Amino acid sequence: MSLIKKLGRGLQNFLRKIIRKLESLKGNNRSIADGFATGAAVSFTPFVGFHLIIALIWAKIMKQNGVAAALGTIVGNPWTFPLIWYADLHLGKIILIRETAEDKIDFIDLFKELFHCVIMLDFGRFFSDIYPVFMPMLVGSIPFCIVIWFLCAHLVLGILKSKTENGGKNDTGIRM
C-alpha cells in the first residue's frame, strides 16, 4: 500500500472518530455545529497557545457546545499551522497594504518571543519585535475565520442533520 493511501485511510479514520464524537454530544445540532465551527475558526488566529481558552470562552458567550468548540480546535495542528500562519501573514500584508517582500520569518521563534513577552509583560519588546509580524497575521486571520466558521458550521450541521433524519444512520459519504 502506498504512503498516500495509508495517509488517506488514516485521515478518513480520524474524520470518522470526530464525526462519532460530535454525534454523541448532548445538545441541539445547531449548538454542536456552531461550537465546532468556533473552535476551527479560532485555530486560524495567531493566538497560539490560547486557542482552546478563546474557543471555550466564545462558545460559552454564544451559547454553543463547549466540547464541540474544543474538538474544533483540532483543525489547528502541527501539520496545518505552517500553512495557516503563512496564509494569515500574507493576506494581512495585502489587506494592510504592507510591503510584501519575502522576509524569512521563523514562526517558532516568533511565538516563543510572543509567549515570553506575554508572560514577562514586556510590552517594549512586543511592539519592537513581535507587533510588525503579529498585526498582519491578526488582520489576515479575520477573513479566514469568517469563511472557516461558515464552512464548518454548514458541513457539520449537514452531517448531524443527516444522522437525525436517517434514524441514527450516517449518510455522510464516510463509511463507518
N, C-alpha and C. Protein backbone atom coordinates (compact mmCIF):
# COMPACT_ATOMS: atom_id res chain seq x y z
N MET A 1 0.85 -1.18 0.00
CA MET A 1 0.00 0.00 0.00
C MET A 1 0.90 1.24 0.00
N SER A 2 0.55 2.19 -0.83
CA SER A 2 1.37 3.40 -0.93
C SER A 2 1.18 4.31 0.28
N LEU A 3 2.12 5.19 0.45
CA LEU A 3 2.08 6.13 1.56
C LEU A 3 0.85 7.03 1.48
N ILE A 4 0.49 7.44 0.27
CA ILE A 4 -0.68 8.30 0.07
C ILE A 4 -1.95 7.58 0.52
N LYS A 5 -2.08 6.30 0.17
CA LYS A 5 -3.26 5.54 0.57
C LYS A 5 -3.30 5.38 2.08
N LYS A 6 -2.15 5.13 2.71
CA LYS A 6 -2.10 4.99 4.17
C LYS A 6 -2.51 6.30 4.84
N LEU A 7 -1.98 7.40 4.33
CA LEU A 7 -2.35 8.72 4.89
C LEU A 7 -3.84 8.99 4.70
N GLY A 8 -4.35 8.64 3.52
CA GLY A 8 -5.77 8.84 3.24
C GLY A 8 -6.66 8.03 4.17
N ARG A 9 -6.28 6.79 4.41
CA ARG A 9 -7.07 5.95 5.32
C ARG A 9 -6.97 6.45 6.75
N GLY A 10 -5.77 6.90 7.14
CA GLY A 10 -5.60 7.45 8.48
C GLY A 10 -6.46 8.69 8.68
N LEU A 11 -6.47 9.57 7.67
CA LEU A 11 -7.29 10.78 7.75
C LEU A 11 -8.77 10.43 7.77
N GLN A 12 -9.17 9.45 6.99
CA GLN A 12 -10.56 9.02 6.96
C GLN A 12 -10.98 8.46 8.32
N ASN A 13 -10.14 7.65 8.94
CA ASN A 13 -10.45 7.12 10.27
C ASN A 13 -10.53 8.23 11.30
N PHE A 14 -9.64 9.20 11.20
CA PHE A 14 -9.65 10.35 12.11
C PHE A 14 -10.94 11.14 11.97
N LEU A 15 -11.37 11.39 10.73
CA LEU A 15 -12.62 12.12 10.49
C LEU A 15 -13.82 11.34 11.02
N ARG A 16 -13.80 10.02 10.86
CA ARG A 16 -14.89 9.19 11.41
C ARG A 16 -15.00 9.35 12.92
N LYS A 17 -13.85 9.34 13.59
CA LYS A 17 -13.85 9.48 15.05
C LYS A 17 -14.40 10.84 15.47
N ILE A 18 -14.02 11.89 14.76
CA ILE A 18 -14.54 13.22 15.08
C ILE A 18 -16.05 13.27 14.87
N ILE A 19 -16.51 12.71 13.77
CA ILE A 19 -17.95 12.71 13.48
C ILE A 19 -18.70 11.93 14.56
N ARG A 20 -18.17 10.78 14.94
CA ARG A 20 -18.82 9.99 16.00
C ARG A 20 -18.88 10.77 17.30
N LYS A 21 -17.80 11.44 17.63
CA LYS A 21 -17.78 12.23 18.86
C LYS A 21 -18.80 13.36 18.79
N LEU A 22 -18.87 14.06 17.66
CA LEU A 22 -19.85 15.14 17.50
C LEU A 22 -21.27 14.60 17.61
N GLU A 23 -21.51 13.43 17.01
CA GLU A 23 -22.85 12.84 17.06
C GLU A 23 -23.24 12.41 18.47
N SER A 24 -22.26 12.10 19.29
CA SER A 24 -22.56 11.62 20.64
C SER A 24 -22.74 12.76 21.65
N LEU A 25 -22.45 13.98 21.25
CA LEU A 25 -22.56 15.11 22.18
C LEU A 25 -24.01 15.44 22.47
N LYS A 26 -24.24 15.90 23.68
CA LYS A 26 -25.59 16.33 24.07
C LYS A 26 -25.78 17.77 23.63
N GLY A 27 -26.99 18.08 23.25
CA GLY A 27 -27.31 19.43 22.78
C GLY A 27 -27.93 19.37 21.41
N ASN A 28 -28.41 20.52 20.96
CA ASN A 28 -29.03 20.51 19.64
C ASN A 28 -27.96 20.59 18.55
N ASN A 29 -28.35 20.20 17.36
CA ASN A 29 -27.40 20.14 16.24
C ASN A 29 -26.76 21.49 15.96
N ARG A 30 -27.53 22.56 16.04
CA ARG A 30 -27.02 23.90 15.75
C ARG A 30 -25.93 24.29 16.75
N SER A 31 -26.16 24.01 18.03
CA SER A 31 -25.19 24.34 19.06
C SER A 31 -23.88 23.58 18.86
N ILE A 32 -24.00 22.32 18.50
CA ILE A 32 -22.81 21.49 18.28
C ILE A 32 -22.06 21.96 17.04
N ALA A 33 -22.78 22.19 15.95
CA ALA A 33 -22.14 22.64 14.71
C ALA A 33 -21.47 24.00 14.89
N ASP A 34 -22.17 24.92 15.54
CA ASP A 34 -21.60 26.25 15.77
C ASP A 34 -20.40 26.19 16.70
N GLY A 35 -20.45 25.32 17.70
CA GLY A 35 -19.31 25.15 18.60
C GLY A 35 -18.09 24.64 17.86
N PHE A 36 -18.27 23.61 17.05
CA PHE A 36 -17.15 23.08 16.27
C PHE A 36 -16.59 24.15 15.34
N ALA A 37 -17.47 24.88 14.69
CA ALA A 37 -17.05 25.93 13.77
C ALA A 37 -16.26 27.01 14.51
N THR A 38 -16.68 27.35 15.71
CA THR A 38 -15.96 28.34 16.51
C THR A 38 -14.55 27.86 16.81
N GLY A 39 -14.41 26.62 17.24
CA GLY A 39 -13.08 26.08 17.51
C GLY A 39 -12.19 26.07 16.28
N ALA A 40 -12.77 25.68 15.15
CA ALA A 40 -11.99 25.65 13.91
C ALA A 40 -11.57 27.06 13.50
N ALA A 41 -12.48 28.01 13.61
CA ALA A 41 -12.17 29.39 13.22
C ALA A 41 -11.11 30.00 14.13
N VAL A 42 -11.22 29.76 15.42
CA VAL A 42 -10.24 30.30 16.36
C VAL A 42 -8.85 29.76 16.06
N SER A 43 -8.76 28.55 15.50
CA SER A 43 -7.47 27.97 15.16
C SER A 43 -6.75 28.76 14.08
N PHE A 44 -7.46 29.61 13.37
CA PHE A 44 -6.84 30.43 12.32
C PHE A 44 -6.30 31.75 12.84
N THR A 45 -6.47 32.03 14.13
CA THR A 45 -5.92 33.25 14.71
C THR A 45 -4.49 33.00 15.15
N PRO A 46 -3.69 34.05 15.28
CA PRO A 46 -2.30 33.87 15.71
C PRO A 46 -2.12 33.77 17.22
N PHE A 47 -3.18 33.48 17.94
CA PHE A 47 -3.10 33.38 19.40
C PHE A 47 -2.72 31.96 19.82
N VAL A 48 -1.58 31.52 19.34
CA VAL A 48 -1.10 30.16 19.59
C VAL A 48 -0.96 29.94 21.09
N GLY A 49 -1.46 28.82 21.55
CA GLY A 49 -1.42 28.50 22.96
C GLY A 49 -2.67 28.92 23.70
N PHE A 50 -3.48 29.75 23.05
CA PHE A 50 -4.70 30.25 23.68
C PHE A 50 -5.95 29.86 22.91
N HIS A 51 -5.80 29.06 21.85
CA HIS A 51 -6.94 28.70 21.01
C HIS A 51 -8.04 28.02 21.81
N LEU A 52 -7.67 27.07 22.62
CA LEU A 52 -8.67 26.33 23.40
C LEU A 52 -9.42 27.26 24.35
N ILE A 53 -8.69 28.10 25.05
CA ILE A 53 -9.31 29.03 26.00
C ILE A 53 -10.25 29.99 25.28
N ILE A 54 -9.79 30.56 24.18
CA ILE A 54 -10.60 31.51 23.41
C ILE A 54 -11.86 30.81 22.87
N ALA A 55 -11.68 29.61 22.33
CA ALA A 55 -12.82 28.87 21.77
C ALA A 55 -13.86 28.56 22.85
N LEU A 56 -13.39 28.15 24.02
CA LEU A 56 -14.33 27.82 25.11
C LEU A 56 -15.06 29.06 25.61
N ILE A 57 -14.34 30.17 25.74
CA ILE A 57 -14.98 31.42 26.19
C ILE A 57 -16.00 31.88 25.16
N TRP A 58 -15.62 31.88 23.90
CA TRP A 58 -16.53 32.32 22.84
C TRP A 58 -17.75 31.41 22.76
N ALA A 59 -17.54 30.09 22.88
CA ALA A 59 -18.67 29.15 22.84
C ALA A 59 -19.61 29.40 24.01
N LYS A 60 -19.07 29.68 25.18
CA LYS A 60 -19.90 29.97 26.35
C LYS A 60 -20.73 31.24 26.12
N ILE A 61 -20.08 32.29 25.62
CA ILE A 61 -20.76 33.56 25.38
C ILE A 61 -21.88 33.38 24.35
N MET A 62 -21.61 32.62 23.30
CA MET A 62 -22.57 32.45 22.21
C MET A 62 -23.53 31.27 22.43
N LYS A 63 -23.44 30.63 23.60
CA LYS A 63 -24.30 29.50 23.96
C LYS A 63 -24.16 28.35 22.96
N GLN A 64 -22.91 28.03 22.68
CA GLN A 64 -22.60 26.91 21.80
C GLN A 64 -22.06 25.76 22.64
N ASN A 65 -21.91 24.63 22.04
CA ASN A 65 -21.40 23.45 22.73
C ASN A 65 -19.89 23.60 22.94
N GLY A 66 -19.46 23.64 24.19
CA GLY A 66 -18.04 23.82 24.52
C GLY A 66 -17.16 22.66 24.12
N VAL A 67 -17.68 21.43 24.26
CA VAL A 67 -16.89 20.26 23.88
C VAL A 67 -16.67 20.27 22.37
N ALA A 68 -17.69 20.64 21.61
CA ALA A 68 -17.55 20.73 20.16
C ALA A 68 -16.55 21.82 19.79
N ALA A 69 -16.56 22.93 20.52
CA ALA A 69 -15.59 24.01 20.27
C ALA A 69 -14.17 23.53 20.54
N ALA A 70 -13.99 22.79 21.63
CA ALA A 70 -12.67 22.24 21.94
C ALA A 70 -12.24 21.27 20.85
N LEU A 71 -13.18 20.45 20.38
CA LEU A 71 -12.87 19.49 19.32
C LEU A 71 -12.52 20.23 18.02
N GLY A 72 -13.16 21.35 17.77
CA GLY A 72 -12.90 22.13 16.56
C GLY A 72 -11.50 22.70 16.50
N THR A 73 -10.88 22.92 17.65
CA THR A 73 -9.52 23.47 17.64
C THR A 73 -8.51 22.49 17.08
N ILE A 74 -8.92 21.24 16.87
CA ILE A 74 -8.03 20.24 16.26
C ILE A 74 -7.67 20.65 14.83
N VAL A 75 -8.47 21.50 14.23
CA VAL A 75 -8.17 21.98 12.87
C VAL A 75 -6.78 22.62 12.84
N GLY A 76 -6.43 23.31 13.92
CA GLY A 76 -5.08 23.87 14.03
C GLY A 76 -4.18 22.84 14.69
N ASN A 77 -3.25 22.32 13.94
CA ASN A 77 -2.35 21.29 14.44
C ASN A 77 -0.98 21.47 13.78
N PRO A 78 0.02 20.70 14.18
CA PRO A 78 1.36 20.89 13.62
C PRO A 78 1.44 20.78 12.10
N TRP A 79 0.51 20.08 11.48
CA TRP A 79 0.53 19.97 10.03
C TRP A 79 -0.11 21.18 9.36
N THR A 80 -1.13 21.75 9.98
CA THR A 80 -1.84 22.86 9.34
C THR A 80 -1.34 24.23 9.76
N PHE A 81 -0.73 24.34 10.94
CA PHE A 81 -0.30 25.66 11.41
C PHE A 81 0.65 26.38 10.45
N PRO A 82 1.66 25.73 9.90
CA PRO A 82 2.54 26.48 8.98
C PRO A 82 1.78 27.10 7.80
N LEU A 83 0.83 26.35 7.26
CA LEU A 83 0.03 26.88 6.14
C LEU A 83 -0.86 28.03 6.61
N ILE A 84 -1.48 27.85 7.77
CA ILE A 84 -2.36 28.88 8.32
C ILE A 84 -1.57 30.16 8.57
N TRP A 85 -0.41 30.05 9.23
CA TRP A 85 0.39 31.23 9.56
C TRP A 85 0.87 31.95 8.31
N TYR A 86 1.31 31.18 7.33
CA TYR A 86 1.77 31.77 6.08
C TYR A 86 0.62 32.52 5.39
N ALA A 87 -0.54 31.87 5.31
CA ALA A 87 -1.70 32.50 4.66
C ALA A 87 -2.16 33.74 5.43
N ASP A 88 -2.24 33.63 6.76
CA ASP A 88 -2.63 34.78 7.58
C ASP A 88 -1.69 35.96 7.36
N LEU A 89 -0.40 35.69 7.42
CA LEU A 89 0.59 36.76 7.28
C LEU A 89 0.49 37.45 5.93
N HIS A 90 0.43 36.69 4.87
CA HIS A 90 0.43 37.30 3.54
C HIS A 90 -0.90 37.96 3.19
N LEU A 91 -2.01 37.40 3.63
CA LEU A 91 -3.29 38.08 3.41
C LEU A 91 -3.33 39.37 4.23
N GLY A 92 -2.81 39.32 5.45
CA GLY A 92 -2.75 40.53 6.27
C GLY A 92 -1.90 41.62 5.64
N LYS A 93 -0.78 41.23 5.04
CA LYS A 93 0.06 42.22 4.35
C LYS A 93 -0.68 42.84 3.17
N ILE A 94 -1.45 42.02 2.47
CA ILE A 94 -2.22 42.55 1.34
C ILE A 94 -3.30 43.51 1.84
N ILE A 95 -4.02 43.12 2.88
CA ILE A 95 -5.09 43.97 3.41
C ILE A 95 -4.53 45.28 3.96
N LEU A 96 -3.42 45.20 4.67
CA LEU A 96 -2.82 46.40 5.27
C LEU A 96 -1.94 47.18 4.29
N ILE A 97 -1.84 46.68 3.08
CA ILE A 97 -1.02 47.29 2.03
C ILE A 97 0.40 47.53 2.56
N ARG A 98 0.97 46.47 3.08
CA ARG A 98 2.34 46.49 3.56
C ARG A 98 3.24 45.88 2.51
N GLU A 99 4.49 46.17 2.62
CA GLU A 99 5.46 45.61 1.69
C GLU A 99 5.39 44.09 1.78
N THR A 100 5.35 43.45 0.63
CA THR A 100 5.24 42.01 0.61
C THR A 100 6.58 41.35 0.29
N ALA A 101 7.66 42.06 0.52
CA ALA A 101 8.98 41.46 0.31
C ALA A 101 9.09 40.21 1.17
N GLU A 102 9.70 39.20 0.59
CA GLU A 102 9.80 37.92 1.30
C GLU A 102 10.83 38.01 2.42
N ASP A 103 10.35 38.23 3.61
CA ASP A 103 11.20 38.17 4.78
C ASP A 103 11.09 36.75 5.31
N LYS A 104 12.21 36.14 5.61
CA LYS A 104 12.16 34.80 6.20
C LYS A 104 11.80 34.95 7.66
N ILE A 105 10.66 34.42 8.02
CA ILE A 105 10.17 34.52 9.39
C ILE A 105 10.20 33.13 10.00
N ASP A 106 10.87 33.02 11.12
CA ASP A 106 10.88 31.76 11.87
C ASP A 106 9.72 31.83 12.86
N PHE A 107 8.62 31.18 12.49
CA PHE A 107 7.40 31.27 13.30
C PHE A 107 7.60 30.69 14.70
N ILE A 108 8.43 29.67 14.80
CA ILE A 108 8.67 29.07 16.11
C ILE A 108 9.32 30.09 17.04
N ASP A 109 10.35 30.78 16.55
CA ASP A 109 10.99 31.82 17.36
C ASP A 109 10.04 32.97 17.64
N LEU A 110 9.23 33.31 16.64
CA LEU A 110 8.27 34.40 16.82
C LEU A 110 7.31 34.10 17.97
N PHE A 111 6.76 32.88 17.99
CA PHE A 111 5.80 32.55 19.04
C PHE A 111 6.47 32.31 20.39
N LYS A 112 7.73 31.88 20.38
CA LYS A 112 8.47 31.80 21.64
C LYS A 112 8.65 33.19 22.23
N GLU A 113 9.03 34.15 21.38
CA GLU A 113 9.19 35.53 21.83
C GLU A 113 7.86 36.11 22.30
N LEU A 114 6.80 35.82 21.56
CA LEU A 114 5.48 36.30 21.95
C LEU A 114 5.09 35.76 23.32
N PHE A 115 5.30 34.48 23.53
CA PHE A 115 4.98 33.87 24.82
C PHE A 115 5.80 34.54 25.94
N HIS A 116 7.07 34.76 25.67
CA HIS A 116 7.93 35.42 26.67
C HIS A 116 7.42 36.83 26.97
N CYS A 117 7.05 37.57 25.94
CA CYS A 117 6.54 38.94 26.13
C CYS A 117 5.26 38.95 26.95
N VAL A 118 4.39 37.99 26.70
CA VAL A 118 3.12 37.92 27.44
C VAL A 118 3.38 37.56 28.90
N ILE A 119 4.21 36.56 29.13
CA ILE A 119 4.49 36.11 30.49
C ILE A 119 5.22 37.19 31.29
N MET A 120 6.19 37.84 30.67
CA MET A 120 7.01 38.82 31.38
C MET A 120 6.43 40.24 31.29
N LEU A 121 5.30 40.38 30.58
CA LEU A 121 4.68 41.70 30.36
C LEU A 121 5.68 42.70 29.79
N ASP A 122 6.45 42.23 28.82
CA ASP A 122 7.49 43.04 28.17
C ASP A 122 6.90 43.70 26.92
N PHE A 123 6.18 44.81 27.13
CA PHE A 123 5.49 45.46 26.02
C PHE A 123 6.45 46.15 25.04
N GLY A 124 7.56 46.61 25.54
CA GLY A 124 8.55 47.25 24.66
C GLY A 124 9.06 46.27 23.61
N ARG A 125 9.42 45.09 24.05
CA ARG A 125 9.90 44.06 23.13
C ARG A 125 8.77 43.61 22.20
N PHE A 126 7.55 43.53 22.72
CA PHE A 126 6.42 43.13 21.90
C PHE A 126 6.25 44.10 20.73
N PHE A 127 6.23 45.40 21.02
CA PHE A 127 5.98 46.37 19.95
C PHE A 127 7.15 46.52 19.00
N SER A 128 8.37 46.24 19.44
CA SER A 128 9.51 46.37 18.54
C SER A 128 9.75 45.11 17.71
N ASP A 129 9.57 43.93 18.29
CA ASP A 129 9.92 42.69 17.60
C ASP A 129 8.72 41.89 17.08
N ILE A 130 7.66 41.84 17.85
CA ILE A 130 6.54 40.94 17.53
C ILE A 130 5.44 41.64 16.72
N TYR A 131 5.07 42.83 17.10
CA TYR A 131 3.94 43.54 16.51
C TYR A 131 4.02 43.65 14.98
N PRO A 132 5.20 43.96 14.40
CA PRO A 132 5.24 44.08 12.93
C PRO A 132 4.84 42.81 12.17
N VAL A 133 4.96 41.67 12.80
CA VAL A 133 4.54 40.41 12.17
C VAL A 133 3.17 39.98 12.70
N PHE A 134 2.94 40.17 13.98
CA PHE A 134 1.70 39.72 14.62
C PHE A 134 0.48 40.45 14.06
N MET A 135 0.59 41.76 13.87
CA MET A 135 -0.57 42.54 13.41
C MET A 135 -1.05 42.11 12.02
N PRO A 136 -0.15 41.95 11.02
CA PRO A 136 -0.65 41.44 9.73
C PRO A 136 -1.26 40.04 9.84
N MET A 137 -0.70 39.21 10.72
CA MET A 137 -1.27 37.87 10.90
C MET A 137 -2.67 37.96 11.50
N LEU A 138 -2.85 38.84 12.46
CA LEU A 138 -4.16 39.00 13.08
C LEU A 138 -5.18 39.53 12.08
N VAL A 139 -4.81 40.54 11.33
CA VAL A 139 -5.72 41.11 10.32
C VAL A 139 -6.02 40.08 9.24
N GLY A 140 -5.00 39.34 8.81
CA GLY A 140 -5.20 38.33 7.77
C GLY A 140 -6.03 37.16 8.24
N SER A 141 -6.05 36.91 9.54
CA SER A 141 -6.82 35.77 10.05
C SER A 141 -8.31 36.04 10.05
N ILE A 142 -8.73 37.28 10.10
CA ILE A 142 -10.15 37.61 10.21
C ILE A 142 -10.98 37.07 9.04
N PRO A 143 -10.58 37.33 7.78
CA PRO A 143 -11.38 36.74 6.68
C PRO A 143 -11.38 35.22 6.70
N PHE A 144 -10.23 34.63 7.04
CA PHE A 144 -10.18 33.17 7.12
C PHE A 144 -11.12 32.65 8.21
N CYS A 145 -11.13 33.31 9.36
CA CYS A 145 -12.01 32.88 10.46
C CYS A 145 -13.47 32.91 10.03
N ILE A 146 -13.87 33.94 9.34
CA ILE A 146 -15.26 34.07 8.89
C ILE A 146 -15.62 32.95 7.92
N VAL A 147 -14.77 32.73 6.93
CA VAL A 147 -15.04 31.70 5.92
C VAL A 147 -15.03 30.32 6.55
N ILE A 148 -14.03 30.03 7.37
CA ILE A 148 -13.93 28.72 8.02
C ILE A 148 -15.13 28.48 8.93
N TRP A 149 -15.55 29.52 9.66
CA TRP A 149 -16.68 29.35 10.57
C TRP A 149 -17.93 28.94 9.78
N PHE A 150 -18.24 29.67 8.71
CA PHE A 150 -19.44 29.35 7.94
C PHE A 150 -19.34 27.99 7.26
N LEU A 151 -18.16 27.66 6.72
CA LEU A 151 -17.98 26.36 6.08
C LEU A 151 -18.17 25.21 7.08
N CYS A 152 -17.49 25.30 8.20
CA CYS A 152 -17.57 24.23 9.20
C CYS A 152 -18.98 24.12 9.79
N ALA A 153 -19.59 25.24 10.09
CA ALA A 153 -20.94 25.20 10.66
C ALA A 153 -21.90 24.52 9.68
N HIS A 154 -21.80 24.88 8.41
CA HIS A 154 -22.67 24.29 7.39
C HIS A 154 -22.41 22.79 7.23
N LEU A 155 -21.14 22.40 7.12
CA LEU A 155 -20.81 20.99 6.91
C LEU A 155 -21.21 20.13 8.11
N VAL A 156 -20.86 20.57 9.31
CA VAL A 156 -21.16 19.78 10.50
C VAL A 156 -22.67 19.71 10.72
N LEU A 157 -23.37 20.81 10.51
CA LEU A 157 -24.83 20.79 10.67
C LEU A 157 -25.45 19.81 9.67
N GLY A 158 -24.96 19.79 8.45
CA GLY A 158 -25.46 18.84 7.45
C GLY A 158 -25.21 17.40 7.87
N ILE A 159 -24.04 17.12 8.41
CA ILE A 159 -23.72 15.77 8.86
C ILE A 159 -24.64 15.37 10.02
N LEU A 160 -24.81 16.27 10.97
CA LEU A 160 -25.65 15.96 12.14
C LEU A 160 -27.11 15.82 11.75
N LYS A 161 -27.58 16.66 10.83
CA LYS A 161 -28.99 16.56 10.39
C LYS A 161 -29.23 15.27 9.62
N SER A 162 -28.26 14.85 8.81
CA SER A 162 -28.44 13.62 8.04
C SER A 162 -28.55 12.42 8.97
N LYS A 163 -27.81 12.45 10.07
CA LYS A 163 -27.91 11.36 11.05
C LYS A 163 -29.29 11.35 11.68
N THR A 164 -29.78 12.53 12.07
CA THR A 164 -31.08 12.64 12.71
C THR A 164 -32.20 12.21 11.76
N GLU A 165 -32.13 12.65 10.52
CA GLU A 165 -33.17 12.34 9.54
C GLU A 165 -33.17 10.87 9.14
N ASN A 166 -32.01 10.21 9.22
CA ASN A 166 -31.91 8.81 8.83
C ASN A 166 -32.06 7.86 10.01
N GLY A 167 -32.54 8.35 11.11
CA GLY A 167 -32.78 7.50 12.27
C GLY A 167 -31.52 6.94 12.88
N GLY A 168 -30.47 7.72 12.90
CA GLY A 168 -29.24 7.28 13.51
C GLY A 168 -28.23 6.72 12.53
N LYS A 169 -28.65 6.50 11.28
CA LYS A 169 -27.70 6.00 10.28
C LYS A 169 -26.93 7.19 9.70
N ASN A 170 -25.66 6.99 9.50
CA ASN A 170 -24.83 8.06 8.98
C ASN A 170 -24.84 8.02 7.46
N ASP A 171 -25.20 9.12 6.83
CA ASP A 171 -25.23 9.22 5.39
C ASP A 171 -24.33 10.37 4.95
N THR A 172 -23.09 10.37 5.44
CA THR A 172 -22.18 11.49 5.18
C THR A 172 -21.22 11.20 4.06
N GLY A 173 -21.28 10.02 3.50
CA GLY A 173 -20.33 9.67 2.47
C GLY A 173 -19.07 9.04 3.06
N ILE A 174 -18.97 9.08 4.38
CA ILE A 174 -17.83 8.44 5.03
C ILE A 174 -18.35 7.15 5.63
N ARG A 175 -17.81 6.04 5.17
CA ARG A 175 -18.28 4.76 5.68
C ARG A 175 -17.85 4.56 7.12
N MET A 176 -18.75 4.15 7.94
CA MET A 176 -18.45 3.92 9.36
C MET A 176 -18.13 2.49 9.61
